[in-house]
PDB file of N, CA and C in Angstrom:
ATOM      1  N   MET A   1     -23.064  15.166  -0.103  1.00  0.00           N
ATOM      2  CA  MET A   1     -23.173  16.524  -0.591  1.00  0.00           C
ATOM      3  C   MET A   1     -24.651  16.890  -0.676  1.00  0.00           C
ATOM      4  N   ALA A   2     -25.020  17.963  -0.059  1.00  0.00           N
ATOM      5  CA  ALA A   2     -26.398  18.447  -0.090  1.00  0.00           C
ATOM      6  C   ALA A   2     -26.636  19.257  -1.361  1.00  0.00           C
ATOM      7  N   THR A   3     -27.866  19.210  -1.836  1.00  0.00           N
ATOM      8  CA  THR A   3     -28.229  20.017  -2.994  1.00  0.00           C
ATOM      9  C   THR A   3     -29.380  20.922  -2.617  1.00  0.00           C
ATOM     10  N   GLY A   4     -29.535  21.987  -3.341  1.00  0.00           N
ATOM     11  CA  GLY A   4     -30.617  22.922  -3.067  1.00  0.00           C
ATOM     12  C   GLY A   4     -30.913  23.761  -4.288  1.00  0.00           C
ATOM     13  N   VAL A   5     -32.018  24.463  -4.212  1.00  0.00           N
ATOM     14  CA  VAL A   5     -32.442  25.351  -5.287  1.00  0.00           C
ATOM     15  C   VAL A   5     -32.550  26.753  -4.710  1.00  0.00           C
ATOM     16  N   LEU A   6     -32.022  27.704  -5.432  1.00  0.00           N
ATOM     17  CA  LEU A   6     -32.076  29.101  -5.013  1.00  0.00           C
ATOM     18  C   LEU A   6     -32.788  29.902  -6.084  1.00  0.00           C
ATOM     19  N   TYR A   7     -33.831  30.608  -5.694  1.00  0.00           N
ATOM     20  CA  TYR A   7     -34.533  31.530  -6.593  1.00  0.00           C
ATOM     21  C   TYR A   7     -34.227  32.941  -6.111  1.00  0.00           C
ATOM     22  N   ALA A   8     -33.877  33.817  -7.023  1.00  0.00           N
ATOM     23  CA  ALA A   8     -33.574  35.189  -6.637  1.00  0.00           C
ATOM     24  C   ALA A   8     -33.986  36.128  -7.757  1.00  0.00           C
ATOM     25  N   SER A   9     -34.384  37.330  -7.386  1.00  0.00           N
ATOM     26  CA  SER A   9     -34.737  38.330  -8.389  1.00  0.00           C
ATOM     27  C   SER A   9     -34.447  39.717  -7.841  1.00  0.00           C
ATOM     28  N   VAL A  10     -34.278  40.648  -8.741  1.00  0.00           N
ATOM     29  CA  VAL A  10     -34.076  42.048  -8.378  1.00  0.00           C
ATOM     30  C   VAL A  10     -34.859  42.920  -9.340  1.00  0.00           C
ATOM     31  N   ALA A  11     -35.232  44.083  -8.891  1.00  0.00           N
ATOM     32  CA  ALA A  11     -35.925  45.051  -9.741  1.00  0.00           C
ATOM     33  C   ALA A  11     -34.937  46.150 -10.119  1.00  0.00           C
ATOM     34  N   LEU A  12     -33.959  45.756 -10.927  1.00  0.00           N
ATOM     35  CA  LEU A  12     -32.899  46.669 -11.365  1.00  0.00           C
ATOM     36  C   LEU A  12     -32.676  46.483 -12.860  1.00  0.00           C
ATOM     37  N   PRO A  13     -32.013  47.428 -13.506  1.00  0.00           N
ATOM     38  CA  PRO A  13     -31.667  47.228 -14.919  1.00  0.00           C
ATOM     39  C   PRO A  13     -30.863  45.934 -15.095  1.00  0.00           C
ATOM     40  N   ALA A  14     -30.956  45.327 -16.264  1.00  0.00           N
ATOM     41  CA  ALA A  14     -30.421  43.989 -16.522  1.00  0.00           C
ATOM     42  C   ALA A  14     -28.991  43.779 -16.046  1.00  0.00           C
ATOM     43  N   GLU A  15     -28.058  44.560 -16.532  1.00  0.00           N
ATOM     44  CA  GLU A  15     -26.648  44.338 -16.181  1.00  0.00           C
ATOM     45  C   GLU A  15     -26.388  44.585 -14.697  1.00  0.00           C
ATOM     46  N   GLU A  16     -26.966  45.643 -14.171  1.00  0.00           N
ATOM     47  CA  GLU A  16     -26.775  45.953 -12.749  1.00  0.00           C
ATOM     48  C   GLU A  16     -27.337  44.831 -11.877  1.00  0.00           C
ATOM     49  N   GLY A  17     -28.519  44.354 -12.212  1.00  0.00           N
ATOM     50  CA  GLY A  17     -29.141  43.269 -11.460  1.00  0.00           C
ATOM     51  C   GLY A  17     -28.356  41.978 -11.567  1.00  0.00           C
ATOM     52  N   LYS A  18     -27.866  41.686 -12.757  1.00  0.00           N
ATOM     53  CA  LYS A  18     -27.083  40.473 -12.986  1.00  0.00           C
ATOM     54  C   LYS A  18     -25.824  40.471 -12.125  1.00  0.00           C
ATOM     55  N   LEU A  19     -25.132  41.599 -12.077  1.00  0.00           N
ATOM     56  CA  LEU A  19     -23.907  41.707 -11.263  1.00  0.00           C
ATOM     57  C   LEU A  19     -24.213  41.574  -9.777  1.00  0.00           C
ATOM     58  N   LEU A  20     -25.298  42.201  -9.333  1.00  0.00           N
ATOM     59  CA  LEU A  20     -25.672  42.134  -7.921  1.00  0.00           C
ATOM     60  C   LEU A  20     -26.040  40.713  -7.512  1.00  0.00           C
ATOM     61  N   LEU A  21     -26.807  40.024  -8.340  1.00  0.00           N
ATOM     62  CA  LEU A  21     -27.176  38.637  -8.037  1.00  0.00           C
ATOM     63  C   LEU A  21     -25.949  37.727  -8.023  1.00  0.00           C
ATOM     64  N   ALA A  22     -25.042  37.904  -8.973  1.00  0.00           N
ATOM     65  CA  ALA A  22     -23.827  37.089  -9.008  1.00  0.00           C
ATOM     66  C   ALA A  22     -23.003  37.296  -7.742  1.00  0.00           C
ATOM     67  N   ALA A  23     -22.875  38.536  -7.306  1.00  0.00           N
ATOM     68  CA  ALA A  23     -22.120  38.824  -6.077  1.00  0.00           C
ATOM     69  C   ALA A  23     -22.792  38.190  -4.863  1.00  0.00           C
ATOM     70  N   ALA A  24     -24.117  38.265  -4.796  1.00  0.00           N
ATOM     71  CA  ALA A  24     -24.847  37.687  -3.668  1.00  0.00           C
ATOM     72  C   ALA A  24     -24.704  36.167  -3.640  1.00  0.00           C
ATOM     73  N   ILE A  25     -24.789  35.538  -4.797  1.00  0.00           N
ATOM     74  CA  ILE A  25     -24.654  34.077  -4.869  1.00  0.00           C
ATOM     75  C   ILE A  25     -23.240  33.651  -4.498  1.00  0.00           C
ATOM     76  N   ASN A  26     -22.243  34.369  -4.990  1.00  0.00           N
ATOM     77  CA  ASN A  26     -20.857  34.060  -4.624  1.00  0.00           C
ATOM     78  C   ASN A  26     -20.633  34.209  -3.126  1.00  0.00           C
ATOM     79  N   SER A  27     -21.200  35.250  -2.549  1.00  0.00           N
ATOM     80  CA  SER A  27     -21.077  35.465  -1.101  1.00  0.00           C
ATOM     81  C   SER A  27     -21.746  34.324  -0.330  1.00  0.00           C
ATOM     82  N   LEU A  28     -22.897  33.896  -0.786  1.00  0.00           N
ATOM     83  CA  LEU A  28     -23.599  32.785  -0.142  1.00  0.00           C
ATOM     84  C   LEU A  28     -22.767  31.510  -0.216  1.00  0.00           C
ATOM     85  N   LEU A  29     -22.238  31.201  -1.390  1.00  0.00           N
ATOM     86  CA  LEU A  29     -21.433  29.986  -1.553  1.00  0.00           C
ATOM     87  C   LEU A  29     -20.174  30.018  -0.701  1.00  0.00           C
ATOM     88  N   GLU A  30     -19.533  31.181  -0.610  1.00  0.00           N
ATOM     89  CA  GLU A  30     -18.323  31.316   0.205  1.00  0.00           C
ATOM     90  C   GLU A  30     -18.629  31.131   1.686  1.00  0.00           C
ATOM     91  N   GLY A  31     -19.840  31.471   2.096  1.00  0.00           N
ATOM     92  CA  GLY A  31     -20.220  31.360   3.503  1.00  0.00           C
ATOM     93  C   GLY A  31     -20.650  29.963   3.925  1.00  0.00           C
ATOM     94  N   LEU A  32     -20.817  29.062   2.978  1.00  0.00           N
ATOM     95  CA  LEU A  32     -21.225  27.697   3.300  1.00  0.00           C
ATOM     96  C   LEU A  32     -20.046  26.898   3.840  1.00  0.00           C
ATOM     97  N   GLN A  33     -20.340  25.949   4.696  1.00  0.00           N
ATOM     98  CA  GLN A  33     -19.289  25.106   5.261  1.00  0.00           C
ATOM     99  C   GLN A  33     -18.714  24.146   4.220  1.00  0.00           C
ATOM    100  N   ASP A  34     -19.508  23.783   3.237  1.00  0.00           N
ATOM    101  CA  ASP A  34     -19.069  22.869   2.188  1.00  0.00           C
ATOM    102  C   ASP A  34     -18.283  23.661   1.140  1.00  0.00           C
ATOM    103  N   SER A  35     -16.964  23.494   1.115  1.00  0.00           N
ATOM    104  CA  SER A  35     -16.131  24.279   0.201  1.00  0.00           C
ATOM    105  C   SER A  35     -16.290  23.840  -1.259  1.00  0.00           C
ATOM    106  N   SER A  36     -16.942  22.696  -1.489  1.00  0.00           N
ATOM    107  CA  SER A  36     -17.129  22.239  -2.864  1.00  0.00           C
ATOM    108  C   SER A  36     -18.456  22.727  -3.451  1.00  0.00           C
ATOM    109  N   ALA A  37     -19.186  23.552  -2.707  1.00  0.00           N
ATOM    110  CA  ALA A  37     -20.480  24.052  -3.188  1.00  0.00           C
ATOM    111  C   ALA A  37     -20.277  24.882  -4.449  1.00  0.00           C
ATOM    112  N   ARG A  38     -21.132  24.653  -5.429  1.00  0.00           N
ATOM    113  CA  ARG A  38     -21.038  25.397  -6.685  1.00  0.00           C
ATOM    114  C   ARG A  38     -22.401  25.448  -7.354  1.00  0.00           C
ATOM    115  N   VAL A  39     -22.540  26.356  -8.284  1.00  0.00           N
ATOM    116  CA  VAL A  39     -23.766  26.483  -9.069  1.00  0.00           C
ATOM    117  C   VAL A  39     -23.695  25.450 -10.185  1.00  0.00           C
ATOM    118  N   LEU A  40     -24.704  24.572 -10.249  1.00  0.00           N
ATOM    119  CA  LEU A  40     -24.731  23.554 -11.290  1.00  0.00           C
ATOM    120  C   LEU A  40     -25.443  24.037 -12.544  1.00  0.00           C
ATOM    121  N   TRP A  41     -26.422  24.889 -12.346  1.00  0.00           N
ATOM    122  CA  TRP A  41     -27.216  25.385 -13.478  1.00  0.00           C
ATOM    123  C   TRP A  41     -27.800  26.725 -13.100  1.00  0.00           C
ATOM    124  N   SER A  42     -27.922  27.619 -14.062  1.00  0.00           N
ATOM    125  CA  SER A  42     -28.439  28.952 -13.796  1.00  0.00           C
ATOM    126  C   SER A  42     -29.295  29.407 -14.971  1.00  0.00           C
ATOM    127  N   LEU A  43     -30.354  30.123 -14.678  1.00  0.00           N
ATOM    128  CA  LEU A  43     -31.212  30.712 -15.701  1.00  0.00           C
ATOM    129  C   LEU A  43     -31.380  32.180 -15.355  1.00  0.00           C
ATOM    130  N   GLN A  44     -31.201  33.030 -16.350  1.00  0.00           N
ATOM    131  CA  GLN A  44     -31.362  34.465 -16.141  1.00  0.00           C
ATOM    132  C   GLN A  44     -32.200  35.039 -17.261  1.00  0.00           C
ATOM    133  N   TYR A  45     -33.013  36.001 -16.939  1.00  0.00           N
ATOM    134  CA  TYR A  45     -33.749  36.735 -17.962  1.00  0.00           C
ATOM    135  C   TYR A  45     -34.016  38.134 -17.454  1.00  0.00           C
ATOM    136  N   HIS A  46     -34.272  39.022 -18.368  1.00  0.00           N
ATOM    137  CA  HIS A  46     -34.705  40.360 -17.970  1.00  0.00           C
ATOM    138  C   HIS A  46     -35.974  40.675 -18.746  1.00  0.00           C
ATOM    139  N   GLN A  47     -36.782  41.477 -18.130  1.00  0.00           N
ATOM    140  CA  GLN A  47     -38.091  41.789 -18.679  1.00  0.00           C
ATOM    141  C   GLN A  47     -38.091  43.208 -19.218  1.00  0.00           C
ATOM    142  N   ASN A  48     -38.468  43.368 -20.464  1.00  0.00           N
ATOM    143  CA  ASN A  48     -38.582  44.688 -21.064  1.00  0.00           C
ATOM    144  C   ASN A  48     -40.011  45.177 -20.929  1.00  0.00           C
ATOM    145  N   CYS A  49     -40.166  46.372 -20.482  1.00  0.00           N
ATOM    146  CA  CYS A  49     -41.490  46.970 -20.345  1.00  0.00           C
ATOM    147  C   CYS A  49     -41.524  48.217 -21.213  1.00  0.00           C
ATOM    148  N   LEU A  50     -41.993  48.037 -22.423  1.00  0.00           N
ATOM    149  CA  LEU A  50     -42.034  49.143 -23.368  1.00  0.00           C
ATOM    150  C   LEU A  50     -43.457  49.668 -23.495  1.00  0.00           C
ATOM    151  N   LYS A  51     -43.595  50.960 -23.673  1.00  0.00           N
ATOM    152  CA  LYS A  51     -44.907  51.550 -23.891  1.00  0.00           C
ATOM    153  C   LYS A  51     -45.301  51.373 -25.349  1.00  0.00           C
ATOM    154  N   ALA A  52     -46.564  51.050 -25.552  1.00  0.00           N
ATOM    155  CA  ALA A  52     -47.073  50.912 -26.915  1.00  0.00           C
ATOM    156  C   ALA A  52     -47.155  52.299 -27.546  1.00  0.00           C
ATOM    157  N   PRO A  53     -46.636  52.426 -28.772  1.00  0.00           N
ATOM    158  CA  PRO A  53     -46.674  53.734 -29.416  1.00  0.00           C
ATOM    159  C   PRO A  53     -48.040  54.019 -30.032  1.00  0.00           C
ATOM    160  N   GLY A  54     -48.386  55.271 -30.126  1.00  0.00           N
ATOM    161  CA  GLY A  54     -49.569  55.713 -30.864  1.00  0.00           C
ATOM    162  C   GLY A  54     -50.902  55.269 -30.303  1.00  0.00           C
ATOM    163  N   THR A  55     -51.896  55.401 -31.141  1.00  0.00           N
ATOM    164  CA  THR A  55     -53.257  55.035 -30.770  1.00  0.00           C
ATOM    165  C   THR A  55     -53.830  54.115 -31.835  1.00  0.00           C
ATOM    166  N   SER A  56     -54.929  53.467 -31.498  1.00  0.00           N
ATOM    167  CA  SER A  56     -55.584  52.565 -32.443  1.00  0.00           C
ATOM    168  C   SER A  56     -56.093  53.345 -33.647  1.00  0.00           C
ATOM    169  N   GLY A  57     -56.096  52.685 -34.781  1.00  0.00           N
ATOM    170  CA  GLY A  57     -56.595  53.302 -36.007  1.00  0.00           C
ATOM    171  C   GLY A  57     -57.470  52.318 -36.760  1.00  0.00           C
ATOM    172  N   VAL A  58     -57.688  52.580 -38.026  1.00  0.00           N
ATOM    173  CA  VAL A  58     -58.558  51.732 -38.842  1.00  0.00           C
ATOM    174  C   VAL A  58     -57.981  50.319 -38.969  1.00  0.00           C
ATOM    175  N   ASN A  59     -56.694  50.202 -39.251  1.00  0.00           N
ATOM    176  CA  ASN A  59     -56.061  48.893 -39.454  1.00  0.00           C
ATOM    177  C   ASN A  59     -55.149  48.479 -38.300  1.00  0.00           C
ATOM    178  N   THR A  60     -55.187  49.217 -37.215  1.00  0.00           N
ATOM    179  CA  THR A  60     -54.299  48.949 -36.090  1.00  0.00           C
ATOM    180  C   THR A  60     -55.077  49.015 -34.783  1.00  0.00           C
ATOM    181  N   ILE A  61     -54.852  48.035 -33.921  1.00  0.00           N
ATOM    182  CA  ILE A  61     -55.445  48.055 -32.583  1.00  0.00           C
ATOM    183  C   ILE A  61     -54.300  48.039 -31.588  1.00  0.00           C
ATOM    184  N   ILE A  62     -54.202  49.062 -30.790  1.00  0.00           N
ATOM    185  CA  ILE A  62     -53.171  49.151 -29.759  1.00  0.00           C
ATOM    186  C   ILE A  62     -53.795  48.721 -28.432  1.00  0.00           C
ATOM    187  N   LEU A  63     -53.238  47.684 -27.838  1.00  0.00           N
ATOM    188  CA  LEU A  63     -53.720  47.207 -26.545  1.00  0.00           C
ATOM    189  C   LEU A  63     -52.986  47.946 -25.434  1.00  0.00           C
ATOM    190  N   PRO A  64     -53.628  48.085 -24.273  1.00  0.00           N
ATOM    191  CA  PRO A  64     -52.954  48.739 -23.143  1.00  0.00           C
ATOM    192  C   PRO A  64     -51.702  47.968 -22.727  1.00  0.00           C
ATOM    193  N   ASN A  65     -50.767  48.670 -22.138  1.00  0.00           N
ATOM    194  CA  ASN A  65     -49.547  48.030 -21.645  1.00  0.00           C
ATOM    195  C   ASN A  65     -49.886  46.996 -20.580  1.00  0.00           C
ATOM    196  N   VAL A  66     -49.113  45.938 -20.564  1.00  0.00           N
ATOM    197  CA  VAL A  66     -49.279  44.871 -19.577  1.00  0.00           C
ATOM    198  C   VAL A  66     -48.280  45.122 -18.451  1.00  0.00           C
ATOM    199  N   PRO A  67     -48.723  45.015 -17.190  1.00  0.00           N
ATOM    200  CA  PRO A  67     -47.783  45.207 -16.086  1.00  0.00           C
ATOM    201  C   PRO A  67     -46.675  44.142 -16.123  1.00  0.00           C
ATOM    202  N   ALA A  68     -45.525  44.480 -15.602  1.00  0.00           N
ATOM    203  CA  ALA A  68     -44.376  43.574 -15.607  1.00  0.00           C
ATOM    204  C   ALA A  68     -44.416  42.616 -14.424  1.00  0.00           C
ATOM    205  N   ASP A  69     -45.583  42.095 -14.113  1.00  0.00           N
ATOM    206  CA  ASP A  69     -45.740  41.128 -13.026  1.00  0.00           C
ATOM    207  C   ASP A  69     -45.706  39.723 -13.606  1.00  0.00           C
ATOM    208  N   LEU A  70     -45.557  38.741 -12.747  1.00  0.00           N
ATOM    209  CA  LEU A  70     -45.603  37.362 -13.207  1.00  0.00           C
ATOM    210  C   LEU A  70     -47.030  36.932 -13.505  1.00  0.00           C
ATOM    211  N   GLY A  71     -47.989  37.527 -12.814  1.00  0.00           N
ATOM    212  CA  GLY A  71     -49.393  37.217 -13.043  1.00  0.00           C
ATOM    213  C   GLY A  71     -49.967  38.082 -14.145  1.00  0.00           C
ATOM    214  N   LEU A  72     -51.020  37.611 -14.764  1.00  0.00           N
ATOM    215  CA  LEU A  72     -51.676  38.354 -15.829  1.00  0.00           C
ATOM    216  C   LEU A  72     -53.048  38.798 -15.330  1.00  0.00           C
ATOM    217  N   PRO A  73     -53.280  40.101 -15.188  1.00  0.00           N
ATOM    218  CA  PRO A  73     -54.563  40.566 -14.674  1.00  0.00           C
ATOM    219  C   PRO A  73     -55.700  40.322 -15.679  1.00  0.00           C
ATOM    220  N   ASP A  74     -56.915  40.164 -15.157  1.00  0.00           N
ATOM    221  CA  ASP A  74     -58.085  39.935 -16.003  1.00  0.00           C
ATOM    222  C   ASP A  74     -58.304  41.051 -17.003  1.00  0.00           C
ATOM    223  N   SER A  75     -57.881  42.251 -16.679  1.00  0.00           N
ATOM    224  CA  SER A  75     -58.076  43.386 -17.588  1.00  0.00           C
ATOM    225  C   SER A  75     -57.403  43.156 -18.942  1.00  0.00           C
ATOM    226  N   VAL A  76     -56.330  42.361 -18.955  1.00  0.00           N
ATOM    227  CA  VAL A  76     -55.653  42.058 -20.213  1.00  0.00           C
ATOM    228  C   VAL A  76     -56.586  41.268 -21.121  1.00  0.00           C
ATOM    229  N   LEU A  77     -57.275  40.274 -20.551  1.00  0.00           N
ATOM    230  CA  LEU A  77     -58.206  39.479 -21.359  1.00  0.00           C
ATOM    231  C   LEU A  77     -59.384  40.314 -21.835  1.00  0.00           C
ATOM    232  N   HIS A  78     -59.820  41.265 -21.019  1.00  0.00           N
ATOM    233  CA  HIS A  78     -60.926  42.133 -21.423  1.00  0.00           C
ATOM    234  C   HIS A  78     -60.534  42.972 -22.647  1.00  0.00           C
ATOM    235  N   SER A  79     -59.318  43.511 -22.649  1.00  0.00           N
ATOM    236  CA  SER A  79     -58.898  44.327 -23.791  1.00  0.00           C
ATOM    237  C   SER A  79     -58.641  43.461 -25.025  1.00  0.00           C
ATOM    238  N   VAL A  80     -58.144  42.239 -24.826  1.00  0.00           N
ATOM    239  CA  VAL A  80     -57.939  41.329 -25.952  1.00  0.00           C
ATOM    240  C   VAL A  80     -59.293  40.917 -26.538  1.00  0.00           C
ATOM    241  N   LYS A  81     -60.280  40.681 -25.653  1.00  0.00           N
ATOM    242  CA  LYS A  81     -61.617  40.322 -26.126  1.00  0.00           C
ATOM    243  C   LYS A  81     -62.237  41.474 -26.922  1.00  0.00           C
ATOM    244  N   ALA A  82     -62.044  42.691 -26.456  1.00  0.00           N
ATOM    245  CA  ALA A  82     -62.573  43.855 -27.173  1.00  0.00           C
ATOM    246  C   ALA A  82     -61.924  43.962 -28.553  1.00  0.00           C
ATOM    247  N   ALA A  83     -60.636  43.682 -28.649  1.00  0.00           N
ATOM    248  CA  ALA A  83     -59.951  43.705 -29.945  1.00  0.00           C
ATOM    249  C   ALA A  83     -60.479  42.584 -30.836  1.00  0.00           C
ATOM    250  N   TRP A  84     -60.693  41.412 -30.251  1.00  0.00           N
ATOM    251  CA  TRP A  84     -61.254  40.281 -30.982  1.00  0.00           C
ATOM    252  C   TRP A  84     -62.609  40.659 -31.586  1.00  0.00           C
ATOM    253  N   GLN A  85     -63.456  41.267 -30.766  1.00  0.00           N
ATOM    254  CA  GLN A  85     -64.784  41.669 -31.231  1.00  0.00           C
ATOM    255  C   GLN A  85     -64.691  42.711 -32.348  1.00  0.00           C
ATOM    256  N   GLN A  86     -63.734  43.618 -32.231  1.00  0.00           N
ATOM    257  CA  GLN A  86     -63.554  44.645 -33.254  1.00  0.00           C
ATOM    258  C   GLN A  86     -63.128  44.012 -34.585  1.00  0.00           C
ATOM    259  N   ILE A  87     -62.323  42.975 -34.517  1.00  0.00           N
ATOM    260  CA  ILE A  87     -61.837  42.317 -35.728  1.00  0.00           C
ATOM    261  C   ILE A  87     -62.892  41.371 -36.308  1.00  0.00           C
ATOM    262  N   VAL A  88     -63.446  40.510 -35.444  1.00  0.00           N
ATOM    263  CA  VAL A  88     -64.359  39.462 -35.891  1.00  0.00           C
ATOM    264  C   VAL A  88     -65.794  39.960 -36.001  1.00  0.00           C
ATOM    265  N   GLY A  89     -66.141  40.901 -35.140  1.00  0.00           N
ATOM    266  CA  GLY A  89     -67.490  41.444 -35.155  1.00  0.00           C
ATOM    267  C   GLY A  89     -68.432  40.801 -34.160  1.00  0.00           C
ATOM    268  N   GLU A  90     -67.972  39.792 -33.437  1.00  0.00           N
ATOM    269  CA  GLU A  90     -68.811  39.150 -32.423  1.00  0.00           C
ATOM    270  C   GLU A  90     -67.917  38.542 -31.351  1.00  0.00           C
ATOM    271  N   ALA A  91     -68.514  38.257 -30.196  1.00  0.00           N
ATOM    272  CA  ALA A  91     -67.755  37.697 -29.084  1.00  0.00           C
ATOM    273  C   ALA A  91     -67.740  36.171 -29.131  1.00  0.00           C
ATOM    274  N   GLU A  92     -68.639  35.585 -29.888  1.00  0.00           N
ATOM    275  CA  GLU A  92     -68.737  34.132 -29.955  1.00  0.00           C
ATOM    276  C   GLU A  92     -67.443  33.553 -30.513  1.00  0.00           C
ATOM    277  N   GLY A  93     -66.926  32.539 -29.856  1.00  0.00           N
ATOM    278  CA  GLY A  93     -65.696  31.905 -30.309  1.00  0.00           C
ATOM    279  C   GLY A  93     -64.448  32.426 -29.620  1.00  0.00           C
ATOM    280  N   PHE A  94     -64.572  33.481 -28.839  1.00  0.00           N
ATOM    281  CA  PHE A  94     -63.400  34.021 -28.135  1.00  0.00           C
ATOM    282  C   PHE A  94     -62.960  33.050 -27.047  1.00  0.00           C
ATOM    283  N   MET A  95     -61.701  32.661 -27.074  1.00  0.00           N
ATOM    284  CA  MET A  95     -61.095  31.754 -26.096  1.00  0.00           C
ATOM    285  C   MET A  95     -61.815  30.405 -26.051  1.00  0.00           C
ATOM    286  N   VAL A  96     -62.342  29.965 -27.181  1.00  0.00           N
ATOM    287  CA  VAL A  96     -62.956  28.639 -27.281  1.00  0.00           C
ATOM    288  C   VAL A  96     -62.016  27.789 -28.126  1.00  0.00           C
ATOM    289  N   PHE A  97     -61.548  26.727 -27.537  1.00  0.00           N
ATOM    290  CA  PHE A  97     -60.562  25.881 -28.201  1.00  0.00           C
ATOM    291  C   PHE A  97     -61.122  24.474 -28.365  1.00  0.00           C
ATOM    292  N   GLU A  98     -60.914  23.894 -29.523  1.00  0.00           N
ATOM    293  CA  GLU A  98     -61.351  22.534 -29.770  1.00  0.00           C
ATOM    294  C   GLU A  98     -60.369  21.569 -29.124  1.00  0.00           C
ATOM    295  N   ALA A  99     -60.883  20.399 -28.703  1.00  0.00           N
ATOM    296  CA  ALA A  99     -60.031  19.384 -28.096  1.00  0.00           C
ATOM    297  C   ALA A  99     -59.020  18.890 -29.132  1.00  0.00           C
ATOM    298  N   ARG A 100     -57.822  18.668 -28.685  1.00  0.00           N
ATOM    299  CA  ARG A 100     -56.785  18.141 -29.570  1.00  0.00           C
ATOM    300  C   ARG A 100     -56.977  16.640 -29.724  1.00  0.00           C
ATOM    301  N   GLU A 101     -56.501  16.128 -30.811  1.00  0.00           N
ATOM    302  CA  GLU A 101     -56.610  14.700 -31.077  1.00  0.00           C
ATOM    303  C   GLU A 101     -55.895  13.924 -29.978  1.00  0.00           C
ATOM    304  N   GLY A 102     -56.562  12.926 -29.431  1.00  0.00           N
ATOM    305  CA  GLY A 102     -55.966  12.098 -28.383  1.00  0.00           C
ATOM    306  C   GLY A 102     -56.213  12.602 -26.974  1.00  0.00           C
ATOM    307  N   GLU A 103     -56.857  13.757 -26.813  1.00  0.00           N
ATOM    308  CA  GLU A 103     -57.169  14.272 -25.484  1.00  0.00           C
ATOM    309  C   GLU A 103     -58.620  13.968 -25.138  1.00  0.00           C
ATOM    310  N   ASP A 104     -58.836  13.613 -23.900  1.00  0.00           N
ATOM    311  CA  ASP A 104     -60.209  13.384 -23.438  1.00  0.00           C
ATOM    312  C   ASP A 104     -60.878  14.705 -23.128  1.00  0.00           C
ATOM    313  N   GLU A 105     -62.149  14.801 -23.436  1.00  0.00           N
ATOM    314  CA  GLU A 105     -62.892  16.009 -23.096  1.00  0.00           C
ATOM    315  C   GLU A 105     -63.349  15.911 -21.657  1.00  0.00           C
ATOM    316  N   ASP A 106     -63.279  17.015 -20.929  1.00  0.00           N
ATOM    317  CA  ASP A 106     -63.727  17.038 -19.529  1.00  0.00           C
ATOM    318  C   ASP A 106     -65.202  17.285 -19.446  1.00  0.00           C
TER     319      ASP A 106
END
């Protein structure tokens, strides 16, 4: 019995996309010569892309919306750094992490 991994995605609302992917996978399995082919494990998620409400104020910092991509653009870190500076008052220490116990330093 051969095994394989299938990755699939759609840019549709959650339920609609879920139904479409299930139909496509069932069609693929039915088209295989191996009649015992089946899905052993499946992972599904949907991504919510909500707009941040309002604007920044004295006690609130609103960051720009993040694109719904798998990658994170550098602009996100720039806006987070600006928020860090607004809160802390300096850029020193931003994204500086101490080595954890038991880890070698590079």
